[in-house]
Amino acid sequence: MKFCDSQLDNSSQELFERLEIELRGVDDLRLVDTAWLTSQVFRDRLEPLLISVRARGGRVTHSNESKKISIKT
């Protein structure tokens, strides 16, 4: 919901900057509810952050995956 709110008050840039800072120390990121990834706008903003996690050797997994996998891009 924070993303929707940030679009209304024009604070999306700030939201993703904070998220980027929070993800810097993350080695294993699990996406629990991925329904929001259907939003192309959101996914376009999130994908560079996920790529950054993977580039550091981290893992990004979805909770509905039967096993953890590491996707390198």
N, C-alpha and C. Protein backbone atom coordinates (compact mmCIF):
# COMPACT_ATOMS: atom_id res chain seq x y z
N MET A 1 0.82 -1.19 0.00
CA MET A 1 0.00 0.00 0.00
C MET A 1 0.86 1.26 0.00
N LYS A 2 2.07 1.16 0.56
CA LYS A 2 2.92 2.35 0.60
C LYS A 2 3.26 2.83 -0.80
N PHE A 3 3.41 1.91 -1.75
CA PHE A 3 3.71 2.33 -3.11
C PHE A 3 2.54 3.11 -3.69
N CYS A 4 1.35 2.62 -3.49
CA CYS A 4 0.15 3.34 -3.99
C CYS A 4 0.08 4.72 -3.36
N ASP A 5 0.33 4.80 -2.06
CA ASP A 5 0.32 6.09 -1.38
C ASP A 5 1.40 7.01 -1.94
N SER A 6 2.56 6.44 -2.22
CA SER A 6 3.67 7.27 -2.71
C SER A 6 3.39 7.84 -4.10
N GLN A 7 2.58 7.13 -4.86
CA GLN A 7 2.20 7.67 -6.16
C GLN A 7 1.26 8.86 -6.01
N LEU A 8 0.44 8.82 -4.98
CA LEU A 8 -0.51 9.90 -4.75
C LEU A 8 0.18 11.16 -4.24
N ASP A 9 1.16 10.99 -3.37
CA ASP A 9 1.82 12.18 -2.79
C ASP A 9 3.18 12.46 -3.41
N ASN A 10 3.48 11.77 -4.53
CA ASN A 10 4.70 12.02 -5.30
C ASN A 10 5.98 11.74 -4.51
N SER A 11 5.95 10.70 -3.67
CA SER A 11 7.13 10.36 -2.87
C SER A 11 7.71 8.99 -3.26
N SER A 12 7.41 8.51 -4.46
CA SER A 12 7.90 7.20 -4.90
C SER A 12 9.42 7.14 -4.90
N GLN A 13 10.08 8.20 -5.33
CA GLN A 13 11.54 8.23 -5.36
C GLN A 13 12.10 8.01 -3.96
N GLU A 14 11.54 8.70 -2.99
CA GLU A 14 11.98 8.57 -1.60
C GLU A 14 11.73 7.14 -1.10
N LEU A 15 10.60 6.57 -1.42
CA LEU A 15 10.28 5.21 -1.01
C LEU A 15 11.32 4.22 -1.51
N PHE A 16 11.68 4.30 -2.78
CA PHE A 16 12.64 3.36 -3.35
C PHE A 16 14.06 3.65 -2.89
N GLU A 17 14.38 4.88 -2.58
CA GLU A 17 15.69 5.21 -2.01
C GLU A 17 15.83 4.57 -0.62
N ARG A 18 14.79 4.65 0.19
CA ARG A 18 14.81 4.02 1.51
C ARG A 18 14.91 2.51 1.38
N LEU A 19 14.16 1.95 0.45
CA LEU A 19 14.20 0.51 0.23
C LEU A 19 15.59 0.06 -0.20
N GLU A 20 16.22 0.84 -1.07
CA GLU A 20 17.58 0.51 -1.52
C GLU A 20 18.54 0.47 -0.34
N ILE A 21 18.44 1.43 0.56
CA ILE A 21 19.30 1.46 1.75
C ILE A 21 19.04 0.25 2.62
N GLU A 22 17.78 -0.09 2.82
CA GLU A 22 17.43 -1.23 3.67
C GLU A 22 17.90 -2.55 3.07
N LEU A 23 17.95 -2.65 1.75
CA LEU A 23 18.34 -3.90 1.11
C LEU A 23 19.85 -4.07 0.99
N ARG A 24 20.62 -3.06 1.29
CA ARG A 24 22.08 -3.14 1.15
C ARG A 24 22.70 -4.27 1.96
N GLY A 25 22.19 -4.53 3.13
CA GLY A 25 22.76 -5.57 3.98
C GLY A 25 22.06 -6.92 3.87
N VAL A 26 21.17 -7.07 2.91
CA VAL A 26 20.38 -8.28 2.78
C VAL A 26 21.08 -9.30 1.89
N ASP A 27 21.20 -10.53 2.40
CA ASP A 27 21.80 -11.61 1.63
C ASP A 27 20.76 -12.57 1.08
N ASP A 28 19.62 -12.64 1.75
CA ASP A 28 18.58 -13.57 1.36
C ASP A 28 17.24 -12.85 1.45
N LEU A 29 16.66 -12.54 0.30
CA LEU A 29 15.41 -11.78 0.24
C LEU A 29 14.30 -12.70 -0.25
N ARG A 30 13.27 -12.84 0.56
CA ARG A 30 12.13 -13.68 0.19
C ARG A 30 10.93 -12.80 -0.07
N LEU A 31 10.39 -12.90 -1.28
CA LEU A 31 9.19 -12.16 -1.65
C LEU A 31 7.99 -13.03 -1.30
N VAL A 32 7.22 -12.59 -0.33
CA VAL A 32 6.13 -13.41 0.20
C VAL A 32 4.87 -13.31 -0.64
N ASP A 33 4.44 -12.12 -0.93
CA ASP A 33 3.23 -11.92 -1.72
C ASP A 33 3.62 -11.20 -3.00
N THR A 34 3.65 -11.92 -4.10
CA THR A 34 4.16 -11.34 -5.34
C THR A 34 3.06 -10.83 -6.27
N ALA A 35 1.84 -10.76 -5.79
CA ALA A 35 0.75 -10.26 -6.62
C ALA A 35 1.02 -8.83 -7.10
N TRP A 36 1.68 -8.05 -6.28
CA TRP A 36 1.96 -6.66 -6.64
C TRP A 36 2.97 -6.55 -7.76
N LEU A 37 3.66 -7.63 -8.10
CA LEU A 37 4.61 -7.59 -9.21
C LEU A 37 3.90 -7.50 -10.56
N THR A 38 2.59 -7.64 -10.58
CA THR A 38 1.85 -7.49 -11.83
C THR A 38 1.82 -6.03 -12.28
N SER A 39 2.10 -5.12 -11.36
CA SER A 39 2.16 -3.70 -11.71
C SER A 39 3.50 -3.45 -12.39
N GLN A 40 3.46 -3.13 -13.67
CA GLN A 40 4.69 -2.89 -14.43
C GLN A 40 5.47 -1.71 -13.86
N VAL A 41 4.77 -0.69 -13.44
CA VAL A 41 5.43 0.50 -12.88
C VAL A 41 6.21 0.11 -11.63
N PHE A 42 5.59 -0.66 -10.76
CA PHE A 42 6.26 -1.08 -9.53
C PHE A 42 7.43 -2.00 -9.85
N ARG A 43 7.18 -2.96 -10.72
CA ARG A 43 8.22 -3.92 -11.06
C ARG A 43 9.42 -3.23 -11.70
N ASP A 44 9.18 -2.23 -12.54
CA ASP A 44 10.27 -1.49 -13.17
C ASP A 44 11.13 -0.76 -12.14
N ARG A 45 10.52 -0.33 -11.06
CA ARG A 45 11.28 0.37 -10.01
C ARG A 45 11.97 -0.62 -9.08
N LEU A 46 11.36 -1.78 -8.86
CA LEU A 46 11.91 -2.76 -7.93
C LEU A 46 13.03 -3.60 -8.54
N GLU A 47 12.92 -3.92 -9.81
CA GLU A 47 13.87 -4.83 -10.44
C GLU A 47 15.33 -4.40 -10.28
N PRO A 48 15.69 -3.12 -10.45
CA PRO A 48 17.10 -2.75 -10.23
C PRO A 48 17.58 -3.06 -8.81
N LEU A 49 16.69 -2.95 -7.84
CA LEU A 49 17.07 -3.26 -6.46
C LEU A 49 17.31 -4.75 -6.29
N LEU A 50 16.47 -5.57 -6.93
CA LEU A 50 16.66 -7.01 -6.86
C LEU A 50 17.94 -7.43 -7.58
N ILE A 51 18.22 -6.79 -8.69
CA ILE A 51 19.46 -7.06 -9.42
C ILE A 51 20.66 -6.72 -8.54
N SER A 52 20.58 -5.65 -7.79
CA SER A 52 21.66 -5.26 -6.90
C SER A 52 21.90 -6.31 -5.82
N VAL A 53 20.83 -6.84 -5.25
CA VAL A 53 20.96 -7.90 -4.24
C VAL A 53 21.65 -9.11 -4.87
N ARG A 54 21.22 -9.50 -6.05
CA ARG A 54 21.80 -10.65 -6.73
C ARG A 54 23.26 -10.40 -7.11
N ALA A 55 23.59 -9.18 -7.53
CA ALA A 55 24.95 -8.85 -7.95
C ALA A 55 25.94 -8.98 -6.79
N ARG A 56 25.45 -8.78 -5.57
CA ARG A 56 26.30 -8.94 -4.38
C ARG A 56 26.41 -10.40 -3.97
N GLY A 57 25.76 -11.29 -4.72
CA GLY A 57 25.78 -12.71 -4.36
C GLY A 57 24.59 -13.13 -3.51
N GLY A 58 23.65 -12.23 -3.32
CA GLY A 58 22.47 -12.55 -2.53
C GLY A 58 21.45 -13.34 -3.32
N ARG A 59 20.48 -13.85 -2.61
CA ARG A 59 19.40 -14.62 -3.24
C ARG A 59 18.09 -13.86 -3.12
N VAL A 60 17.30 -13.97 -4.17
CA VAL A 60 15.94 -13.43 -4.16
C VAL A 60 15.03 -14.59 -4.50
N THR A 61 14.16 -14.95 -3.58
CA THR A 61 13.27 -16.08 -3.79
C THR A 61 11.83 -15.65 -3.56
N HIS A 62 10.94 -16.45 -4.11
CA HIS A 62 9.51 -16.26 -3.91
C HIS A 62 9.05 -17.33 -2.94
N SER A 63 8.17 -17.00 -2.03
CA SER A 63 7.74 -17.96 -1.01
C SER A 63 7.03 -19.16 -1.61
N ASN A 64 6.48 -19.02 -2.82
CA ASN A 64 5.78 -20.14 -3.42
C ASN A 64 6.73 -21.07 -4.19
N GLU A 65 8.02 -20.77 -4.19
CA GLU A 65 8.98 -21.66 -4.83
C GLU A 65 9.22 -22.84 -3.91
N SER A 66 9.29 -24.02 -4.46
CA SER A 66 9.47 -25.21 -3.65
C SER A 66 10.87 -25.32 -3.08
N LYS A 67 11.83 -24.68 -3.74
CA LYS A 67 13.19 -24.66 -3.22
C LYS A 67 13.80 -23.31 -3.53
N LYS A 68 14.78 -22.94 -2.75
CA LYS A 68 15.45 -21.67 -2.99
C LYS A 68 16.38 -21.80 -4.19
N ILE A 69 16.34 -20.79 -5.02
CA ILE A 69 17.24 -20.76 -6.17
C ILE A 69 17.91 -19.41 -6.21
N SER A 70 19.04 -19.37 -6.80
CA SER A 70 19.76 -18.12 -6.96
C SER A 70 19.74 -17.77 -8.43
N ILE A 71 19.24 -16.59 -8.73
CA ILE A 71 19.15 -16.15 -10.12
C ILE A 71 20.18 -15.06 -10.32
N LYS A 72 21.14 -15.31 -11.14
CA LYS A 72 22.18 -14.33 -11.42
C LYS A 72 21.82 -13.61 -12.70
N THR A 73 21.90 -12.29 -12.67
CA THR A 73 21.64 -11.51 -13.88
C THR A 73 22.81 -10.64 -14.19
